[in-house]
Amino acid sequence: MTIPRSHPRYQSLVQREKIVEGIKNGIVALQGLIAHGRGEAFDYILGEKSHRFALEAEKAAVATMLLAKHPVISVNGNSAVLAGKELCELSKIVNAKVEVNIFHFSYERIQKIKSFLEKFGCEVLAACDAELAGLESSRRIVDSRGILIADVVLVPLEDGDRCEILKKHGKKVIAIDLNPLSRTARMADITIVDNIVRAVPNMINFARELKNFDRSELEEIVRSFDNRKVLAEAVKAIKEYLEEVASKFKIDQKF
């Protein structure tokens, strides 16, 4: 489908088409449409921009990954089609491994996501040869070289049950989640309340800057980060956006 760039919802429609194409190619699960729509709704009431609190979280996330011994970027179907190229680029800068991990599991889809990501020149882990103890969903199936031994895991478009188990295994969790009220957002060590298509490019820019920082400087960035404050600011931003829209409706009604 050709979408005219003049369309006021151009970026949103492009993202939708990528998800639909991902379904046709067997990369995205059909349920991914629902998950994407939910995120899109939150992005809309956040003004479809990267707020200051999101940038703070993105910077802290990059610093955390640069400090890690075994950082891993977990990728599912939605994140692969929306930001696969950028996630691979980020992995190279912060020296993180990329691993395919999905909720709606099939070995066939695992391999399709792996092949899709490899087009962007990154090594992709998808052995599915280990399990995360304590997790019953298919997300428990991991690679013994990746998530199983990771100390930091970036989980874009995450589900809350795995986030909880990852933390129980002593791993730091970085979530990209447009819903600041979700279990994942509230349980993660660092929550990036931003659209993945903006968040990852922002993180790439931060990574290029921070990779030359001293360890003490990176530690200070992480130490000064307050995730509860970020979540509070995200909820406040939604509230203020809705109040602004509501006030415009009231003004219009006067005429």
C-alpha atoms as a PDB file:
ATOM      1  CA  MET A   1       0.000   0.000   0.000  1.00  0.00           C
ATOM      2  CA  THR A   2       1.303   3.443  -0.928  1.00  0.00           C
ATOM      3  CA  ILE A   3       0.704   6.045   1.772  1.00  0.00           C
ATOM      4  CA  PRO A   4       1.062   9.698   0.702  1.00  0.00           C
ATOM      5  CA  ARG A   5       3.534  11.577   2.876  1.00  0.00           C
ATOM      6  CA  SER A   6       1.043  14.426   3.057  1.00  0.00           C
ATOM      7  CA  HIS A   7      -1.340  12.244   5.064  1.00  0.00           C
ATOM      8  CA  PRO A   8      -1.646  13.672   8.611  1.00  0.00           C
ATOM      9  CA  ARG A   9      -1.293  10.158  10.078  1.00  0.00           C
ATOM     10  CA  TYR A  10       1.569   9.126   7.786  1.00  0.00           C
ATOM     11  CA  GLN A  11       3.989   7.769  10.413  1.00  0.00           C
ATOM     12  CA  SER A  12       1.257   5.905  12.251  1.00  0.00           C
ATOM     13  CA  LEU A  13      -0.033   4.318   9.037  1.00  0.00           C
ATOM     14  CA  VAL A  14       3.486   3.285   8.022  1.00  0.00           C
ATOM     15  CA  GLN A  15       3.920   1.494  11.352  1.00  0.00           C
ATOM     16  CA  ARG A  16       0.592  -0.280  10.902  1.00  0.00           C
ATOM     17  CA  GLU A  17       1.588  -1.445   7.427  1.00  0.00           C
ATOM     18  CA  LYS A  18       4.873  -2.831   8.771  1.00  0.00           C
ATOM     19  CA  ILE A  19       2.962  -4.855  11.353  1.00  0.00           C
ATOM     20  CA  VAL A  20       0.512  -6.141   8.714  1.00  0.00           C
ATOM     21  CA  GLU A  21       3.377  -7.057   6.379  1.00  0.00           C
ATOM     22  CA  GLY A  22       5.057  -8.816   9.283  1.00  0.00           C
ATOM     23  CA  ILE A  23       1.963 -10.952   9.750  1.00  0.00           C
ATOM     24  CA  LYS A  24       1.897 -11.844   6.058  1.00  0.00           C
ATOM     25  CA  ASN A  25       5.567 -12.886   6.264  1.00  0.00           C
ATOM     26  CA  GLY A  26       5.061 -14.984   9.383  1.00  0.00           C
ATOM     27  CA  ILE A  27       7.162 -12.702  11.602  1.00  0.00           C
ATOM     28  CA  VAL A  28       4.406 -11.067  13.646  1.00  0.00           C
ATOM     29  CA  ALA A  29       1.698 -13.045  15.452  1.00  0.00           C
ATOM     30  CA  LEU A  30      -1.865 -12.016  14.658  1.00  0.00           C
ATOM     31  CA  GLN A  31      -2.222 -10.938  18.285  1.00  0.00           C
ATOM     32  CA  GLY A  32       0.539  -8.420  17.580  1.00  0.00           C
ATOM     33  CA  LEU A  33      -2.058  -6.220  15.902  1.00  0.00           C
ATOM     34  CA  ILE A  34      -3.886  -5.842  19.204  1.00  0.00           C
ATOM     35  CA  ALA A  35      -0.692  -5.094  21.116  1.00  0.00           C
ATOM     36  CA  HIS A  36       0.340  -2.488  18.552  1.00  0.00           C
ATOM     37  CA  GLY A  37      -3.065  -0.806  18.634  1.00  0.00           C
ATOM     38  CA  ARG A  38      -2.920  -0.500  22.411  1.00  0.00           C
ATOM     39  CA  GLY A  39       0.501   1.125  22.236  1.00  0.00           C
ATOM     40  CA  GLU A  40      -0.610   3.429  19.446  1.00  0.00           C
ATOM     41  CA  ALA A  41      -3.482   4.667  21.603  1.00  0.00           C
ATOM     42  CA  PHE A  42      -1.093   5.609  24.426  1.00  0.00           C
ATOM     43  CA  ASP A  43       1.276   7.258  21.971  1.00  0.00           C
ATOM     44  CA  TYR A  44      -1.598   9.387  20.710  1.00  0.00           C
ATOM     45  CA  ILE A  45      -2.409  10.759  24.164  1.00  0.00           C
ATOM     46  CA  LEU A  46       1.294  11.339  24.808  1.00  0.00           C
ATOM     47  CA  GLY A  47       1.389  13.679  21.823  1.00  0.00           C
ATOM     48  CA  GLU A  48       3.416  11.277  19.646  1.00  0.00           C
ATOM     49  CA  LYS A  49       6.753  12.720  20.710  1.00  0.00           C
ATOM     50  CA  SER A  50       9.725  11.822  22.898  1.00  0.00           C
ATOM     51  CA  HIS A  51       9.201  13.687  26.166  1.00  0.00           C
ATOM     52  CA  ARG A  52      12.036  14.777  28.441  1.00  0.00           C
ATOM     53  CA  PHE A  53      11.313  11.902  30.834  1.00  0.00           C
ATOM     54  CA  ALA A  54      11.629   9.449  27.941  1.00  0.00           C
ATOM     55  CA  LEU A  55      14.975  10.908  26.911  1.00  0.00           C
ATOM     56  CA  GLU A  56      16.213  10.638  30.509  1.00  0.00           C
ATOM     57  CA  ALA A  57      15.227   6.975  30.589  1.00  0.00           C
ATOM     58  CA  GLU A  58      16.818   6.306  27.203  1.00  0.00           C
ATOM     59  CA  LYS A  59      20.085   7.856  28.365  1.00  0.00           C
ATOM     60  CA  ALA A  60      20.059   5.870  31.623  1.00  0.00           C
ATOM     61  CA  ALA A  61      19.248   2.703  29.678  1.00  0.00           C
ATOM     62  CA  VAL A  62      22.237   3.147  27.395  1.00  0.00           C
ATOM     63  CA  ALA A  63      24.524   3.875  30.346  1.00  0.00           C
ATOM     64  CA  THR A  64      23.268   0.709  32.056  1.00  0.00           C
ATOM     65  CA  MET A  65      23.924  -1.397  28.947  1.00  0.00           C
ATOM     66  CA  LEU A  66      27.420   0.046  28.547  1.00  0.00           C
ATOM     67  CA  LEU A  67      28.185  -0.848  32.175  1.00  0.00           C
ATOM     68  CA  ALA A  68      26.847  -4.387  31.819  1.00  0.00           C
ATOM     69  CA  LYS A  69      28.970  -7.510  31.374  1.00  0.00           C
ATOM     70  CA  HIS A  70      26.374  -9.429  29.352  1.00  0.00           C
ATOM     71  CA  PRO A  71      23.703  -7.089  27.977  1.00  0.00           C
ATOM     72  CA  VAL A  72      21.048  -8.675  25.772  1.00  0.00           C
ATOM     73  CA  ILE A  73      18.402  -7.131  23.528  1.00  0.00           C
ATOM     74  CA  SER A  74      15.302  -9.325  23.429  1.00  0.00           C
ATOM     75  CA  VAL A  75      13.364  -9.072  20.155  1.00  0.00           C
ATOM     76  CA  ASN A  76       9.887 -10.273  19.256  1.00  0.00           C
ATOM     77  CA  GLY A  77       7.969  -9.993  15.988  1.00  0.00           C
ATOM     78  CA  ASN A  78       6.579  -6.505  16.526  1.00  0.00           C
ATOM     79  CA  SER A  79       9.889  -4.989  17.605  1.00  0.00           C
ATOM     80  CA  ALA A  80      11.679  -6.710  14.720  1.00  0.00           C
ATOM     81  CA  VAL A  81       9.501  -5.198  11.996  1.00  0.00           C
ATOM     82  CA  LEU A  82       9.217  -1.776  13.641  1.00  0.00           C
ATOM     83  CA  ALA A  83      12.845  -1.258  14.679  1.00  0.00           C
ATOM     84  CA  GLY A  84      14.891  -4.325  13.736  1.00  0.00           C
ATOM     85  CA  LYS A  85      17.570  -2.409  11.852  1.00  0.00           C
ATOM     86  CA  GLU A  86      17.960   0.127  14.643  1.00  0.00           C
ATOM     87  CA  LEU A  87      18.057  -2.534  17.373  1.00  0.00           C
ATOM     88  CA  CYS A  88      20.862  -4.301  15.523  1.00  0.00           C
ATOM     89  CA  GLU A  89      22.753  -1.021  15.196  1.00  0.00           C
ATOM     90  CA  LEU A  90      22.318  -0.311  18.898  1.00  0.00           C
ATOM     91  CA  SER A  91      23.550  -3.804  19.789  1.00  0.00           C
ATOM     92  CA  LYS A  92      26.821  -3.196  17.973  1.00  0.00           C
ATOM     93  CA  ILE A  93      27.504   0.129  19.707  1.00  0.00           C
ATOM     94  CA  VAL A  94      26.806  -1.135  23.237  1.00  0.00           C
ATOM     95  CA  ASN A  95      28.214  -4.616  22.552  1.00  0.00           C
ATOM     96  CA  ALA A  96      24.942  -6.378  23.358  1.00  0.00           C
ATOM     97  CA  LYS A  97      23.690  -9.688  22.041  1.00  0.00           C
ATOM     98  CA  VAL A  98      20.398  -9.871  20.158  1.00  0.00           C
ATOM     99  CA  GLU A  99      18.071 -12.737  21.020  1.00  0.00           C
ATOM    100  CA  VAL A 100      14.697 -13.724  19.603  1.00  0.00           C
ATOM    101  CA  ASN A 101      12.149 -14.380  22.339  1.00  0.00           C
ATOM    102  CA  ILE A 102       8.402 -14.628  21.670  1.00  0.00           C
ATOM    103  CA  PHE A 103       5.176 -15.271  23.580  1.00  0.00           C
ATOM    104  CA  HIS A 104       3.221 -16.927  20.738  1.00  0.00           C
ATOM    105  CA  PHE A 105       5.875 -19.535  20.135  1.00  0.00           C
ATOM    106  CA  SER A 106       6.782 -21.630  17.125  1.00  0.00           C
ATOM    107  CA  TYR A 107      10.236 -22.653  15.939  1.00  0.00           C
ATOM    108  CA  GLU A 108       9.255 -21.571  12.446  1.00  0.00           C
ATOM    109  CA  ARG A 109       8.494 -18.014  13.546  1.00  0.00           C
ATOM    110  CA  ILE A 110      11.652 -17.897  15.661  1.00  0.00           C
ATOM    111  CA  GLN A 111      13.705 -18.690  12.568  1.00  0.00           C
ATOM    112  CA  LYS A 112      11.840 -16.175  10.416  1.00  0.00           C
ATOM    113  CA  ILE A 113      12.518 -13.390  12.917  1.00  0.00           C
ATOM    114  CA  LYS A 114      16.150 -14.491  13.144  1.00  0.00           C
ATOM    115  CA  SER A 115      16.568 -14.416   9.359  1.00  0.00           C
ATOM    116  CA  PHE A 116      14.846 -11.032   9.148  1.00  0.00           C
ATOM    117  CA  LEU A 117      17.209  -9.495  11.718  1.00  0.00           C
ATOM    118  CA  GLU A 118      20.304 -11.035  10.133  1.00  0.00           C
ATOM    119  CA  LYS A 119      19.617  -8.941   7.029  1.00  0.00           C
ATOM    120  CA  PHE A 120      20.778  -5.965   9.096  1.00  0.00           C
ATOM    121  CA  GLY A 121      24.161  -7.519   9.764  1.00  0.00           C
ATOM    122  CA  CYS A 122      23.880  -8.575  13.387  1.00  0.00           C
ATOM    123  CA  GLU A 123      24.425 -11.957  14.980  1.00  0.00           C
ATOM    124  CA  VAL A 124      21.144 -13.290  16.349  1.00  0.00           C
ATOM    125  CA  LEU A 125      20.746 -15.849  19.131  1.00  0.00           C
ATOM    126  CA  ALA A 126      17.823 -18.252  18.715  1.00  0.00           C
ATOM    127  CA  ALA A 127      18.963 -21.659  19.964  1.00  0.00           C
ATOM    128  CA  CYS A 128      15.981 -22.086  22.314  1.00  0.00           C
ATOM    129  CA  ASP A 129      18.139 -24.484  24.346  1.00  0.00           C
ATOM    130  CA  ALA A 130      17.396 -23.242  27.877  1.00  0.00           C
ATOM    131  CA  GLU A 131      14.506 -22.194  30.104  1.00  0.00           C
ATOM    132  CA  LEU A 132      13.928 -19.421  32.633  1.00  0.00           C
ATOM    133  CA  ALA A 133      12.874 -21.132  35.841  1.00  0.00           C
ATOM    134  CA  GLY A 134       9.633 -19.831  37.310  1.00  0.00           C
ATOM    135  CA  LEU A 135       8.047 -18.783  34.027  1.00  0.00           C
ATOM    136  CA  GLU A 136       5.294 -20.893  32.475  1.00  0.00           C
ATOM    137  CA  SER A 137       4.683 -19.058  29.189  1.00  0.00           C
ATOM    138  CA  SER A 138       6.700 -19.728  26.048  1.00  0.00           C
ATOM    139  CA  ARG A 139       8.826 -16.709  26.935  1.00  0.00           C
ATOM    140  CA  ARG A 140      10.633 -19.099  29.284  1.00  0.00           C
ATOM    141  CA  ILE A 141      12.372 -20.627  26.237  1.00  0.00           C
ATOM    142  CA  VAL A 142      15.666 -18.762  25.851  1.00  0.00           C
ATOM    143  CA  ASP A 143      19.176 -19.106  24.488  1.00  0.00           C
ATOM    144  CA  SER A 144      21.814 -20.313  26.962  1.00  0.00           C
ATOM    145  CA  ARG A 145      24.266 -17.768  25.521  1.00  0.00           C
ATOM    146  CA  GLY A 146      21.878 -14.854  25.842  1.00  0.00           C
ATOM    147  CA  ILE A 147      19.019 -14.040  28.208  1.00  0.00           C
ATOM    148  CA  LEU A 148      19.849 -16.960  30.492  1.00  0.00           C
ATOM    149  CA  ILE A 149      23.229 -15.471  31.477  1.00  0.00           C
ATOM    150  CA  ALA A 150      22.456 -11.780  30.854  1.00  0.00           C
ATOM    151  CA  ASP A 151      22.872  -9.228  33.622  1.00  0.00           C
ATOM    152  CA  VAL A 152      20.901  -6.552  31.731  1.00  0.00           C
ATOM    153  CA  VAL A 153      18.017  -7.235  29.342  1.00  0.00           C
ATOM    154  CA  LEU A 154      16.383  -4.674  27.072  1.00  0.00           C
ATOM    155  CA  VAL A 155      12.809  -5.823  26.520  1.00  0.00           C
ATOM    156  CA  PRO A 156      10.976  -3.673  23.990  1.00  0.00           C
ATOM    157  CA  LEU A 157       7.234  -4.323  23.847  1.00  0.00           C
ATOM    158  CA  GLU A 158       7.345  -6.595  26.879  1.00  0.00           C
ATOM    159  CA  ASP A 159       4.841  -8.639  28.851  1.00  0.00           C
ATOM    160  CA  GLY A 160       4.771  -8.319  32.626  1.00  0.00           C
ATOM    161  CA  ASP A 161       5.190 -11.945  33.654  1.00  0.00           C
ATOM    162  CA  ARG A 162       8.649 -12.299  32.120  1.00  0.00           C
ATOM    163  CA  CYS A 163       9.759  -8.928  33.484  1.00  0.00           C
ATOM    164  CA  GLU A 164       8.982 -10.171  36.979  1.00  0.00           C
ATOM    165  CA  ILE A 165      10.891 -13.425  36.484  1.00  0.00           C
ATOM    166  CA  LEU A 166      13.894 -11.696  34.926  1.00  0.00           C
ATOM    167  CA  LYS A 167      14.162  -9.527  38.026  1.00  0.00           C
ATOM    168  CA  LYS A 168      13.842 -12.566  40.281  1.00  0.00           C
ATOM    169  CA  HIS A 169      16.819 -14.004  38.419  1.00  0.00           C
ATOM    170  CA  GLY A 170      18.817 -10.914  39.393  1.00  0.00           C
ATOM    171  CA  LYS A 171      18.783  -9.224  36.009  1.00  0.00           C
ATOM    172  CA  LYS A 172      18.245  -5.526  35.416  1.00  0.00           C
ATOM    173  CA  VAL A 173      15.315  -4.931  33.080  1.00  0.00           C
ATOM    174  CA  ILE A 174      14.991  -2.036  30.641  1.00  0.00           C
ATOM    175  CA  ALA A 175      11.494  -1.818  29.171  1.00  0.00           C
ATOM    176  CA  ILE A 176      10.182   0.177  26.238  1.00  0.00           C
ATOM    177  CA  ASP A 177       6.495   0.534  27.028  1.00  0.00           C
ATOM    178  CA  LEU A 178       4.098   3.291  25.988  1.00  0.00           C
ATOM    179  CA  ASN A 179       1.761   2.360  28.839  1.00  0.00           C
ATOM    180  CA  PRO A 180       3.173   3.771  32.098  1.00  0.00           C
ATOM    181  CA  LEU A 181       0.470   1.897  34.027  1.00  0.00           C
ATOM    182  CA  SER A 182       1.423  -1.597  32.873  1.00  0.00           C
ATOM    183  CA  ARG A 183       2.962  -4.222  35.146  1.00  0.00           C
ATOM    184  CA  THR A 184       6.067  -4.179  33.003  1.00  0.00           C
ATOM    185  CA  ALA A 185       6.456  -0.409  33.271  1.00  0.00           C
ATOM    186  CA  ARG A 186       6.061  -0.515  37.045  1.00  0.00           C
ATOM    187  CA  MET A 187       8.362  -3.493  37.584  1.00  0.00           C
ATOM    188  CA  ALA A 188      11.230  -2.604  35.250  1.00  0.00           C
ATOM    189  CA  ASP A 189      14.393  -0.938  36.538  1.00  0.00           C
ATOM    190  CA  ILE A 190      14.250   1.552  33.677  1.00  0.00           C
ATOM    191  CA  THR A 191      11.037   2.238  31.770  1.00  0.00           C
ATOM    192  CA  ILE A 192      11.181   4.101  28.493  1.00  0.00           C
ATOM    193  CA  VAL A 193       7.692   5.518  27.904  1.00  0.00           C
ATOM    194  CA  ASP A 194       8.157   6.189  24.219  1.00  0.00           C
ATOM    195  CA  ASN A 195       7.363   4.692  20.839  1.00  0.00           C
ATOM    196  CA  ILE A 196      10.009   2.143  19.879  1.00  0.00           C
ATOM    197  CA  VAL A 197      10.463   3.832  16.491  1.00  0.00           C
ATOM    198  CA  ARG A 198      11.665   6.967  18.320  1.00  0.00           C
ATOM    199  CA  ALA A 199      13.196   5.363  21.395  1.00  0.00           C
ATOM    200  CA  VAL A 200      15.782   3.184  19.667  1.00  0.00           C
ATOM    201  CA  PRO A 201      17.154   5.930  17.368  1.00  0.00           C
ATOM    202  CA  ASN A 202      17.396   8.149  20.464  1.00  0.00           C
ATOM    203  CA  MET A 203      19.314   5.392  22.245  1.00  0.00           C
ATOM    204  CA  ILE A 204      21.673   5.027  19.291  1.00  0.00           C
ATOM    205  CA  ASN A 205      22.498   8.734  19.532  1.00  0.00           C
ATOM    206  CA  PHE A 206      23.077   8.457  23.281  1.00  0.00           C
ATOM    207  CA  ALA A 207      25.208   5.344  22.777  1.00  0.00           C
ATOM    208  CA  ARG A 208      27.503   7.114  20.338  1.00  0.00           C
ATOM    209  CA  GLU A 209      27.950   9.882  22.902  1.00  0.00           C
ATOM    210  CA  LEU A 210      28.270   7.784  26.053  1.00  0.00           C
ATOM    211  CA  LYS A 211      30.529   5.026  24.759  1.00  0.00           C
ATOM    212  CA  ASN A 212      33.498   7.345  25.352  1.00  0.00           C
ATOM    213  CA  PHE A 213      32.470   8.214  28.918  1.00  0.00           C
ATOM    214  CA  ASP A 214      34.405   6.967  31.926  1.00  0.00           C
ATOM    215  CA  ARG A 215      32.812   4.217  33.987  1.00  0.00           C
ATOM    216  CA  SER A 216      32.298   6.621  36.889  1.00  0.00           C
ATOM    217  CA  GLU A 217      30.394   9.017  34.632  1.00  0.00           C
ATOM    218  CA  LEU A 218      28.127   6.228  33.406  1.00  0.00           C
ATOM    219  CA  GLU A 219      27.520   5.064  36.969  1.00  0.00           C
ATOM    220  CA  GLU A 220      26.488   8.580  37.972  1.00  0.00           C
ATOM    221  CA  ILE A 221      23.930   8.709  35.133  1.00  0.00           C
ATOM    222  CA  VAL A 222      22.422   5.442  36.354  1.00  0.00           C
ATOM    223  CA  ARG A 223      22.606   6.426  40.023  1.00  0.00           C
ATOM    224  CA  SER A 224      20.722   9.686  39.471  1.00  0.00           C
ATOM    225  CA  PHE A 225      17.903   8.028  37.508  1.00  0.00           C
ATOM    226  CA  ASP A 226      14.557   7.617  39.287  1.00  0.00           C
ATOM    227  CA  ASN A 227      12.142   5.313  37.469  1.00  0.00           C
ATOM    228  CA  ARG A 228       9.186   6.113  39.733  1.00  0.00           C
ATOM    229  CA  LYS A 229       9.636   9.784  38.892  1.00  0.00           C
ATOM    230  CA  VAL A 230       9.658   8.961  35.184  1.00  0.00           C
ATOM    231  CA  LEU A 231       6.417   6.990  35.452  1.00  0.00           C
ATOM    232  CA  ALA A 232       4.781   9.793  37.439  1.00  0.00           C
ATOM    233  CA  GLU A 233       5.828  12.343  34.828  1.00  0.00           C
ATOM    234  CA  ALA A 234       4.496  10.136  32.031  1.00  0.00           C
ATOM    235  CA  VAL A 235       1.083   9.871  33.700  1.00  0.00           C
ATOM    236  CA  LYS A 236       1.116  13.621  34.305  1.00  0.00           C
ATOM    237  CA  ALA A 237       1.931  14.246  30.621  1.00  0.00           C
ATOM    238  CA  ILE A 238      -1.076  12.153  29.589  1.00  0.00           C
ATOM    239  CA  LYS A 239      -3.305  14.019  32.046  1.00  0.00           C
ATOM    240  CA  GLU A 240      -2.111  17.418  30.822  1.00  0.00           C
ATOM    241  CA  TYR A 241      -2.581  16.436  27.175  1.00  0.00           C
ATOM    242  CA  LEU A 242      -6.160  15.295  27.803  1.00  0.00           C
ATOM    243  CA  GLU A 243      -6.946  18.431  29.817  1.00  0.00           C
ATOM    244  CA  GLU A 244      -5.612  20.600  27.006  1.00  0.00           C
ATOM    245  CA  VAL A 245      -7.794  18.814  24.452  1.00  0.00           C
ATOM    246  CA  ALA A 246     -10.809  19.035  26.762  1.00  0.00           C
ATOM    247  CA  SER A 247     -10.295  22.783  27.238  1.00  0.00           C
ATOM    248  CA  LYS A 248     -10.311  23.279  23.468  1.00  0.00           C
ATOM    249  CA  PHE A 249     -13.631  21.480  23.239  1.00  0.00           C
ATOM    250  CA  LYS A 250     -15.082  23.846  25.853  1.00  0.00           C
ATOM    251  CA  ILE A 251     -13.840  26.899  23.965  1.00  0.00           C
ATOM    252  CA  ASP A 252     -15.348  25.609  20.717  1.00  0.00           C
ATOM    253  CA  GLN A 253     -18.692  25.052  22.411  1.00  0.00           C
ATOM    254  CA  LYS A 254     -18.919  28.739  23.346  1.00  0.00           C
ATOM    255  CA  PHE A 255     -19.222  29.570  19.692  1.00  0.00           C
END
